[in-house]
Protein backbone atom coordinates (compact mmCIF):
# COMPACT_ATOMS: atom_id res chain seq x y z
CA UNK A 1 -9.28 23.62 -15.99
CA UNK A 2 -10.64 22.19 -12.72
CA UNK A 3 -13.73 20.07 -13.21
CA UNK A 4 -16.93 21.35 -11.61
CA UNK A 5 -18.08 18.64 -9.20
CA UNK A 6 -21.62 20.06 -8.99
CA UNK A 7 -22.04 19.78 -12.76
CA UNK A 8 -20.58 16.29 -12.74
CA UNK A 9 -23.05 15.32 -10.03
CA UNK A 10 -25.99 16.54 -12.10
CA UNK A 11 -24.76 14.60 -15.14
CA UNK A 12 -24.27 11.37 -13.19
CA UNK A 13 -27.22 11.53 -10.80
CA UNK A 14 -25.02 11.87 -7.71
CA UNK A 15 -26.80 12.99 -4.53
CA UNK A 16 -23.88 12.80 -2.08
CA UNK A 17 -20.10 13.07 -2.13
CA UNK A 18 -17.69 11.32 0.21
CA UNK A 19 -14.79 13.73 0.64
CA UNK A 20 -12.08 11.35 1.81
CA UNK A 21 -8.52 11.53 3.05
CA UNK A 22 -6.14 8.87 4.37
CA UNK A 23 -4.35 9.58 7.64
CA UNK A 24 -0.83 8.53 8.65
CA UNK A 25 -1.97 5.12 9.89
CA UNK A 26 -3.84 4.37 6.67
CA UNK A 27 -7.34 4.89 8.03
CA UNK A 28 -9.72 6.56 5.59
CA UNK A 29 -11.64 9.53 6.96
CA UNK A 30 -14.59 11.12 5.19
CA UNK A 31 -17.49 13.52 5.34
CA UNK A 32 -20.70 12.84 3.46
CA UNK A 33 -21.63 16.03 1.63
CA UNK A 34 -24.92 16.65 -0.25
CA UNK A 35 -24.48 17.72 -3.85
CA UNK A 36 -26.14 21.04 -3.05
CA UNK A 37 -23.12 21.91 -0.86
CA UNK A 38 -20.31 20.50 -3.01
CA UNK A 39 -19.55 23.76 -4.81
CA UNK A 40 -18.68 25.42 -1.49
CA UNK A 41 -16.66 22.36 -0.43
CA UNK A 42 -14.73 22.42 -3.69
CA UNK A 43 -13.89 26.06 -3.06
CA UNK A 44 -13.22 26.01 0.70
CA UNK A 45 -12.80 22.34 1.64
CA UNK A 46 -14.55 20.10 4.16
CA UNK A 47 -13.58 20.87 7.74
CA UNK A 48 -12.07 18.31 10.14
CA UNK A 49 -10.48 18.36 13.57
CA UNK A 50 -7.04 16.97 12.76
CA UNK A 51 -6.34 15.65 16.26
CA UNK A 52 -9.37 13.37 15.97
CA UNK A 53 -7.51 11.28 13.36
CA UNK A 54 -3.99 9.86 13.15
CA UNK A 55 -2.09 13.03 12.37
CA UNK A 56 0.47 14.75 14.58
CA UNK A 57 -1.86 17.59 15.57
CA UNK A 58 -3.38 18.76 18.84
CA UNK A 59 -6.88 19.95 19.75
CA UNK A 60 -5.45 23.48 19.71
CA UNK A 61 -4.57 23.37 16.00
CA UNK A 62 -6.76 25.33 13.56
CA UNK A 63 -9.32 23.55 11.42
CA UNK A 64 -8.04 21.07 8.88
CA UNK A 65 -9.66 21.33 5.44
CA UNK A 66 -9.91 18.48 2.95
CA UNK A 67 -9.84 19.90 -0.58
CA UNK A 68 -11.52 17.41 -2.96
CA UNK A 69 -9.54 16.56 -6.09
CA UNK A 70 -12.04 16.31 -8.98
CA UNK A 71 -9.66 14.13 -11.00
CA UNK A 72 -10.13 11.36 -8.43
CA UNK A 73 -13.95 11.30 -8.79
CA UNK A 74 -15.37 7.76 -8.53
CA UNK A 75 -19.09 7.03 -8.57
CA UNK A 76 -19.77 4.08 -6.26
CA UNK A 77 -20.84 1.19 -8.53
CA UNK A 78 -22.75 -0.43 -5.64
CA UNK A 79 -24.44 2.85 -4.55
CA UNK A 80 -24.62 5.09 -7.61
CA UNK A 81 -26.08 8.12 -5.91
CA UNK A 82 -22.79 8.53 -3.98
CA UNK A 83 -19.39 9.62 -5.37
CA UNK A 84 -15.99 9.32 -3.67
CA UNK A 85 -13.29 11.95 -4.11
CA UNK A 86 -9.81 11.89 -2.62
CA UNK A 87 -8.78 15.09 -0.87
CA UNK A 88 -5.60 17.01 -0.13
CA UNK A 89 -5.28 18.48 3.35
CA UNK A 90 -4.65 22.17 3.98
CA UNK A 91 -4.43 24.23 7.14
CA UNK A 92 -4.53 28.01 7.08
CA UNK A 93 -4.40 27.79 3.27
CA UNK A 94 -1.14 25.81 3.27
CA UNK A 95 -0.70 22.11 2.35
CA UNK A 96 -0.28 19.89 5.40
CA UNK A 97 3.21 18.49 4.79
CA UNK A 98 2.63 15.36 6.89
CA UNK A 99 -0.55 14.34 5.01
CA UNK A 100 0.12 11.15 2.97
CA UNK A 101 -1.37 12.35 -0.33
CA UNK A 102 0.57 15.62 -0.01
CA UNK A 103 3.78 13.64 0.66
CA UNK A 104 3.22 11.58 -2.49
CA UNK A 105 2.58 14.65 -4.62
CA UNK A 106 5.78 16.22 -3.28
CA UNK A 107 8.01 13.31 -4.30
CA UNK A 108 6.21 13.01 -7.63
CA UNK A 109 7.00 16.68 -8.23
CA UNK A 110 10.65 16.03 -7.37
CA UNK A 111 10.72 13.22 -9.93
CA UNK A 112 9.02 15.41 -12.54
CA UNK A 113 11.71 18.07 -12.13
CA UNK A 114 14.16 15.44 -13.31
CA UNK A 115 11.96 14.49 -16.25
CA UNK A 116 10.80 11.23 -14.67
CA UNK A 117 7.27 9.87 -14.50
CA UNK A 118 6.79 6.89 -12.19
CA UNK A 119 4.20 4.25 -13.08
CA UNK A 120 3.21 1.55 -10.63
CA UNK A 121 0.79 -1.27 -10.09
CA UNK A 122 -0.20 -3.04 -6.89
CA UNK A 123 -1.34 -6.61 -6.23
CA UNK A 124 -4.01 -6.33 -3.57
CA UNK A 125 -4.44 -9.40 -1.38
CA UNK A 126 -7.07 -9.74 1.33
CA UNK A 127 -8.91 -12.29 3.43
CA UNK A 128 -12.66 -12.79 3.41
CA UNK A 129 -13.67 -13.67 6.95
CA UNK A 130 -16.81 -14.07 8.97
CA UNK A 131 -17.97 -10.76 10.49
CA UNK A 132 -16.10 -11.46 13.73
CA UNK A 133 -12.82 -11.48 11.77
CA UNK A 134 -11.36 -14.44 13.66
CA UNK A 135 -12.41 -17.14 11.16
CA UNK A 136 -12.25 -17.37 7.38
CA UNK A 137 -15.66 -17.11 5.75
CA UNK A 138 -15.65 -20.48 3.93
CA UNK A 139 -15.69 -23.54 6.19
CA UNK A 140 -14.98 -25.78 3.18
CA UNK A 141 -11.79 -23.91 2.27
CA UNK A 142 -9.35 -26.26 4.03
CA UNK A 143 -6.83 -27.43 1.43
CA UNK A 144 -3.16 -27.47 2.43
CA UNK A 145 -2.23 -25.90 -0.90
CA UNK A 146 -5.24 -23.70 -1.58
CA UNK A 147 -3.60 -21.30 -4.05
CA UNK A 148 -5.68 -20.97 -7.25
CA UNK A 149 -8.30 -23.33 -5.75
CA UNK A 150 -11.05 -23.32 -8.35
CA UNK A 151 -13.88 -24.50 -6.10
CA UNK A 152 -12.99 -22.11 -3.27
CA UNK A 153 -12.79 -19.22 -5.74
CA UNK A 154 -16.22 -19.97 -7.16
CA UNK A 155 -17.78 -20.32 -3.71
CA UNK A 156 -16.95 -16.63 -3.28
CA UNK A 157 -17.90 -15.74 -6.87
CA UNK A 158 -20.64 -13.31 -5.85
CA UNK A 159 -18.24 -11.10 -3.88
CA UNK A 160 -15.23 -11.31 -6.21
CA UNK A 161 -17.30 -10.83 -9.37
CA UNK A 162 -19.10 -7.79 -7.95
CA UNK A 163 -15.78 -6.14 -7.07
CA UNK A 164 -14.33 -6.99 -10.49
CA UNK A 165 -17.48 -5.77 -12.30
CA UNK A 166 -17.08 -2.49 -10.45
CA UNK A 167 -13.47 -2.13 -11.61
CA UNK A 168 -14.54 -2.92 -15.19
CA UNK A 169 -17.22 -0.23 -14.99
CA UNK A 170 -14.70 2.26 -13.63
CA UNK A 171 -12.25 1.57 -16.47
CA UNK A 172 -9.40 0.30 -14.30
CA UNK A 173 -8.62 -2.61 -16.59
CA UNK A 174 -8.86 -5.51 -14.12
CA UNK A 175 -7.35 -8.60 -15.69
CA UNK A 176 -7.31 -11.44 -13.16
CA UNK A 177 -8.69 -12.56 -9.81
CA UNK A 178 -7.58 -15.61 -7.88
CA UNK A 179 -7.74 -17.52 -4.65
CA UNK A 180 -4.39 -16.88 -2.97
CA UNK A 181 -2.04 -19.16 -1.03
CA UNK A 182 -3.89 -19.03 2.29
CA UNK A 183 -7.32 -20.43 3.02
CA UNK A 184 -9.84 -17.62 2.67
CA UNK A 185 -7.38 -15.33 0.89
CA UNK A 186 -7.87 -13.64 -2.50
CA UNK A 187 -5.97 -11.36 -4.86
CA UNK A 188 -7.30 -8.95 -7.49
CA UNK A 189 -5.24 -7.16 -10.13
CA UNK A 190 -5.84 -4.15 -12.37
CA UNK A 191 -3.70 -2.17 -14.82
CA UNK A 192 -0.72 -0.12 -13.69
CA UNK A 193 -0.77 3.68 -14.09
CA UNK A 194 0.63 6.98 -12.84
CA UNK A 195 1.56 6.50 -9.17
CA UNK A 196 -1.05 8.99 -7.87
CA UNK A 197 -3.81 7.29 -9.84
CA UNK A 198 -2.62 3.92 -8.52
CA UNK A 199 -2.61 5.26 -4.95
CA UNK A 200 -6.13 6.72 -5.25
CA UNK A 201 -7.40 3.46 -6.76
CA UNK A 202 -5.63 1.43 -4.08
CA UNK A 203 -7.31 3.51 -1.36
CA UNK A 204 -10.69 3.19 -3.05
CA UNK A 205 -10.21 -0.54 -3.67
CA UNK A 206 -9.80 -1.20 0.06
CA UNK A 207 -12.96 0.78 0.78
CA UNK A 208 -14.81 -1.00 -2.03
CA UNK A 209 -13.73 -4.52 -1.07
CA UNK A 210 -14.75 -3.93 2.55
CA UNK A 211 -18.09 -2.40 1.53
CA UNK A 212 -19.05 -5.14 -0.92
CA UNK A 213 -17.95 -7.87 1.50
CA UNK A 214 -20.17 -6.31 4.19
CA UNK A 215 -23.05 -6.23 1.70
CA UNK A 216 -22.67 -10.02 1.43
CA UNK A 217 -22.49 -10.52 5.20
CA UNK A 218 -18.69 -11.00 5.22
CA UNK A 219 -15.63 -9.02 6.20
CA UNK A 220 -12.64 -8.12 4.00
CA UNK A 221 -9.41 -7.57 5.91
CA UNK A 222 -6.02 -6.41 4.65
CA UNK A 223 -4.32 -7.23 7.98
CA UNK A 224 -0.85 -8.61 7.14
CA UNK A 225 -1.00 -11.77 9.30
CA UNK A 226 -4.47 -12.46 10.70
CA UNK A 227 -3.88 -16.23 10.97
CA UNK A 228 -0.51 -17.43 12.20
CA UNK A 229 -0.37 -20.75 10.33
CA UNK A 230 -1.39 -19.24 6.99
CA UNK A 231 0.42 -17.13 4.42
CA UNK A 232 0.24 -13.41 5.16
CA UNK A 233 -1.31 -10.68 3.06
CA UNK A 234 1.10 -8.88 0.77
CA UNK A 235 0.74 -5.87 -1.48
CA UNK A 236 3.45 -6.39 -4.10
CA UNK A 237 4.31 -3.27 -6.11
CA UNK A 238 5.47 -3.25 -9.73
CA UNK A 239 7.57 -0.24 -10.67
CA UNK A 240 8.76 1.39 -13.88
CA UNK A 241 9.93 4.93 -14.67
CA UNK A 242 9.03 6.71 -17.87
CA UNK A 243 9.82 9.99 -19.58
CA UNK A 244 7.73 13.02 -18.64
CA UNK A 245 5.25 12.31 -21.43
CA UNK A 246 4.75 8.80 -20.10
CA UNK A 247 5.59 7.28 -23.47
CA UNK A 248 9.17 5.98 -23.18
CA UNK A 249 10.08 3.44 -20.49
CA UNK A 250 13.35 4.72 -19.03
CA UNK A 251 13.91 1.40 -17.26
CA UNK A 252 13.86 -0.61 -20.49
CA UNK A 253 17.06 -1.80 -22.15
CA UNK A 254 16.49 -4.61 -24.68
CA UNK A 255 20.21 -5.36 -24.86
CA UNK A 256 20.55 -6.15 -21.13
CA UNK A 257 19.90 -9.68 -19.87
CA UNK A 258 16.99 -8.74 -17.58
CA UNK A 259 15.93 -5.79 -19.72
CA UNK A 260 16.78 -3.13 -17.11
CA UNK A 261 18.60 0.07 -18.01
CA UNK A 262 21.42 1.51 -15.92
CA UNK A 263 18.94 4.04 -14.53
CA UNK A 264 16.63 1.17 -13.62
CA UNK A 265 19.46 -0.53 -11.74
CA UNK A 266 20.25 2.73 -9.90
CA UNK A 267 16.58 3.09 -8.91
CA UNK A 268 16.62 -0.51 -7.71
CA UNK A 269 19.87 0.28 -5.89
CA UNK A 270 18.03 2.98 -3.96
CA UNK A 271 15.36 0.49 -2.90
CA UNK A 272 18.03 -1.94 -1.72
CA UNK A 273 20.02 0.81 0.01
CA UNK A 274 17.03 2.00 2.04
CA UNK A 275 15.15 -1.30 2.49
CA UNK A 276 15.77 -1.63 6.21
CA UNK A 277 14.32 1.84 6.87
CA UNK A 278 11.59 2.05 4.22
CA UNK A 279 10.08 -1.10 5.72
CA UNK A 280 8.72 1.16 8.48
CA UNK A 281 6.36 2.47 5.79
CA UNK A 282 5.84 -0.55 3.54
CA UNK A 283 5.22 -2.71 6.63
CA UNK A 284 3.71 -0.22 9.07
CA UNK A 285 2.14 -2.27 11.86
CA UNK A 286 3.21 -4.49 14.75
CA UNK A 287 1.46 -7.35 12.94
CA UNK A 288 3.45 -6.70 9.72
CA UNK A 289 6.56 -8.34 11.15
CA UNK A 290 4.70 -11.56 11.85
CA UNK A 291 4.42 -11.88 8.06
CA UNK A 292 8.04 -10.97 7.27
CA UNK A 293 9.55 -13.16 9.97
CA UNK A 294 7.04 -16.00 9.90
CA UNK A 295 7.98 -19.67 10.11
CA UNK A 296 6.97 -21.87 7.18
CA UNK A 297 3.19 -21.94 6.70
CA UNK A 298 0.96 -24.96 6.11
CA UNK A 299 1.31 -24.46 2.34
CA UNK A 300 5.09 -24.85 2.60
CA UNK A 301 6.20 -21.24 2.04
CA UNK A 302 5.53 -17.80 3.52
CA UNK A 303 5.90 -16.00 0.15
CA UNK A 304 7.35 -13.09 2.12
CA UNK A 305 10.99 -11.88 2.20
CA UNK A 306 13.04 -11.47 5.35
CA UNK A 307 16.35 -10.52 3.70
CA UNK A 308 17.42 -7.62 1.47
CA UNK A 309 18.14 -9.47 -1.78
CA UNK A 310 17.13 -9.22 -5.44
CA UNK A 311 16.96 -11.60 -8.37
CA UNK A 312 15.49 -12.33 -11.79
CA UNK A 313 12.16 -14.12 -12.07
CA UNK A 314 12.30 -15.79 -8.65
CA UNK A 315 9.63 -15.15 -6.01
CA UNK A 316 11.78 -16.01 -2.99
CA UNK A 317 13.58 -12.62 -2.89
CA UNK A 318 12.60 -9.13 -1.74
CA UNK A 319 12.83 -7.82 -5.30
CA UNK A 320 12.42 -9.79 -8.50
CA UNK A 321 12.64 -8.72 -12.13
CA UNK A 322 9.78 -10.65 -13.76
CA UNK A 323 9.93 -8.88 -17.11
CA UNK A 324 11.91 -6.33 -19.07
CA UNK A 325 11.65 -2.69 -18.04
CA UNK A 326 10.18 -3.14 -14.57
CA UNK A 327 10.72 -4.81 -11.22
CA UNK A 328 8.51 -6.08 -8.41
CA UNK A 329 8.97 -5.12 -4.76
CA UNK A 330 7.56 -8.01 -2.71
CA UNK A 331 8.12 -6.42 0.69
CA UNK A 332 4.93 -4.33 1.24
CA UNK A 333 1.92 -5.81 2.99
CA UNK A 334 -1.80 -5.17 3.06
CA UNK A 335 -1.53 -2.59 5.86
CA UNK A 336 0.64 -0.27 3.73
CA UNK A 337 -0.76 3.24 3.37
CA UNK A 338 -1.63 3.54 -0.36
CA UNK A 339 -0.04 7.01 -0.64
CA UNK A 340 3.00 6.49 1.56
CA UNK A 341 3.76 3.20 -0.20
CA UNK A 342 4.10 5.00 -3.53
CA UNK A 343 5.92 7.93 -1.95
CA UNK A 344 8.63 5.88 -0.26
CA UNK A 345 9.26 3.81 -3.40
CA UNK A 346 9.78 6.96 -5.46
CA UNK A 347 11.86 8.66 -2.76
CA UNK A 348 14.20 5.68 -2.32
CA UNK A 349 14.49 5.17 -6.06
CA UNK A 350 15.25 8.82 -6.79
CA UNK A 351 17.92 8.79 -4.11
CA UNK A 352 19.38 5.73 -5.78
CA UNK A 353 19.56 7.57 -9.09
CA UNK A 354 21.19 10.58 -7.41
CA UNK A 355 23.81 8.33 -5.78
CA UNK A 356 24.31 6.00 -8.77
CA UNK A 357 23.45 3.28 -6.30
CA UNK A 358 24.50 -0.27 -7.08
CA UNK A 359 21.81 -2.83 -6.12
CA UNK A 360 24.52 -5.33 -5.26
CA UNK A 361 24.92 -8.90 -6.36
CA UNK A 362 22.02 -10.61 -8.08
CA UNK A 363 21.19 -13.90 -6.34
CA UNK A 364 19.47 -16.70 -8.22
CA UNK A 365 19.16 -19.15 -5.35
CA UNK A 366 16.01 -20.33 -3.57
CA UNK A 367 16.06 -18.10 -0.49
CA UNK A 368 13.58 -20.33 1.31
CA UNK A 369 16.06 -23.22 1.11
CA UNK A 370 19.46 -21.55 0.89
CA UNK A 371 18.93 -18.13 2.45
CA UNK A 372 20.96 -19.15 5.48
CA UNK A 373 24.02 -19.45 3.21
CA UNK A 374 23.89 -15.76 2.24
CA UNK A 375 26.24 -14.18 4.77
CA UNK A 376 26.44 -10.57 3.62
CA UNK A 377 22.77 -9.76 2.88
CA UNK A 378 21.12 -7.54 5.51
CA UNK A 379 18.13 -8.95 7.36
CA UNK A 380 14.89 -7.00 7.31
CA UNK A 381 13.79 -5.65 10.71
CA UNK A 382 12.48 -8.12 13.25
CA UNK A 383 9.79 -5.74 14.50
CA UNK A 384 8.22 -2.34 14.00
CA UNK A 385 10.47 -0.65 16.58
CA UNK A 386 13.62 -1.74 14.74
CA UNK A 387 12.15 -0.48 11.47
CA UNK A 388 11.27 2.88 13.01
CA UNK A 389 14.77 3.25 14.45
CA UNK A 390 16.25 2.49 11.04
CA UNK A 391 13.98 5.08 9.44
CA UNK A 392 14.87 7.66 12.07
CA UNK A 393 18.58 7.21 11.24
CA UNK A 394 18.02 7.40 7.47
CA UNK A 395 18.65 11.11 6.92
CA UNK A 396 18.50 10.92 3.12
CA UNK A 397 15.17 9.12 2.97
CA UNK A 398 13.62 11.46 5.54
CA UNK A 399 14.74 14.47 3.50
CA UNK A 400 13.27 13.01 0.33
CA UNK A 401 9.91 12.45 2.01
CA UNK A 402 9.96 15.65 4.04
CA UNK A 403 11.17 16.24 7.58
CA UNK A 404 7.75 17.28 8.89
CA UNK A 405 6.19 14.07 7.65
CA UNK A 406 9.06 11.92 8.94
CA UNK A 407 8.92 13.49 12.40
CA UNK A 408 5.15 13.05 12.66
CA UNK A 409 5.24 9.47 11.41
CA UNK A 410 8.03 8.36 13.75
CA UNK A 411 6.37 10.06 16.73
CA UNK A 412 2.93 8.51 16.21
CA UNK A 413 4.19 5.07 15.21
CA UNK A 414 6.49 4.97 18.25
CA UNK A 415 3.47 5.81 20.39
CA UNK A 416 1.65 2.91 18.75
CA UNK A 417 4.57 0.57 19.52
CA UNK A 418 4.58 1.71 23.15
CA UNK A 419 0.85 1.05 23.38
CA UNK A 420 1.43 -2.46 22.03
CA UNK A 421 4.21 -3.23 24.51
CA UNK A 422 2.04 -2.09 27.41
CA UNK A 423 -0.53 -4.74 26.48
CA UNK A 424 -0.43 -7.98 28.46
CA UNK A 425 -0.76 -10.95 26.11
CA UNK A 426 -2.14 -14.43 26.70
CA UNK A 427 1.27 -15.83 25.66
CA UNK A 428 2.87 -14.06 28.61
CA UNK A 429 0.34 -15.53 31.00
CA UNK A 430 0.77 -19.04 29.62
CA UNK A 431 4.57 -18.95 29.65
CA UNK A 432 5.55 -16.87 32.69
CA UNK A 433 2.73 -17.09 35.23
CA UNK A 434 4.46 -19.91 37.13
CA UNK A 435 8.00 -18.51 37.07
């Protein structure tokens, strides 16, 4: 039975609801609705003009309605009279097929029809900067190898602890927080779960981290490569597939060396098979490819893949198998849309199962040192345009995600690329003004 948001508000002392959806570019859009009106909103949805956000709609389209999902209810730990609810988009009483949360629910339904229940976790990295965004927030954070820096972590204790306390209160099961490889960079981890729950929490986490950072006079950014000499911001995803009851890990085979079942290898094979095209979604911005194709950073390593390879417990590859019954996709970055990230992983993996896809040869080399010796491994795209062209040619992946979504995404992202290329950069002035 659908939970009554008005009753929940009375129980929890909630005065306002943020009815929120995530558009194709990953921006979160919301309306602030008083509790007195939430019953009508739960029945009819909150109205939006779709063209005003990053969706492939025009001003002539009918109203877009965001239908709040009560199961996603989160009371803001830092502002308890407000609750956040994720919403599914409908137009003329039909789901909007291009909407990211709708896309994820579609591929989850496809997996469920085959008796599969995908569980995922994400490792959210972000920078804490000064409000301008062009400088890290801590002037003393200057170590060459700053990963796990104890002093730098504790200098930002107030921000990190408040975010972690919020996750503890919400029951997410956070289990570790650390200073990451770049100066000013942090990572926070919480328990894995059903892929829709993970996506909703991922979306909320970004909102929460930004809000709490602002409260402390700082800025949290998930931009993939905000500082060229420093390690970029990843969003590694851990994936396992379970039976429909969510009790039996279908990826787990205790007799196999890495603990992966044949179905797990087929799912991984799908990721490998579609890597060059799914990167358009896991790495969705112009800036994303400055992380993937970066030269060595001041710390000595980029910690980002640029080649389609997989391995055991070795962080220099696109995919690693760090433990039995799961694998880690190290390709996604901080700009990844929380819903589309989960959707494209499931879509590629399901296709791999359908095709009995072979992930190819396992490589146990250090890719940062010996990657140039691997002759037959495909390179990841050099830029967003290449990724979009790969995605456009990937008929199977587009079908799995939905043609309406794929068409809208390619159209809008190509427009974004064109806008970028029309921009005159300072590099061009410095290097070609005197030609």
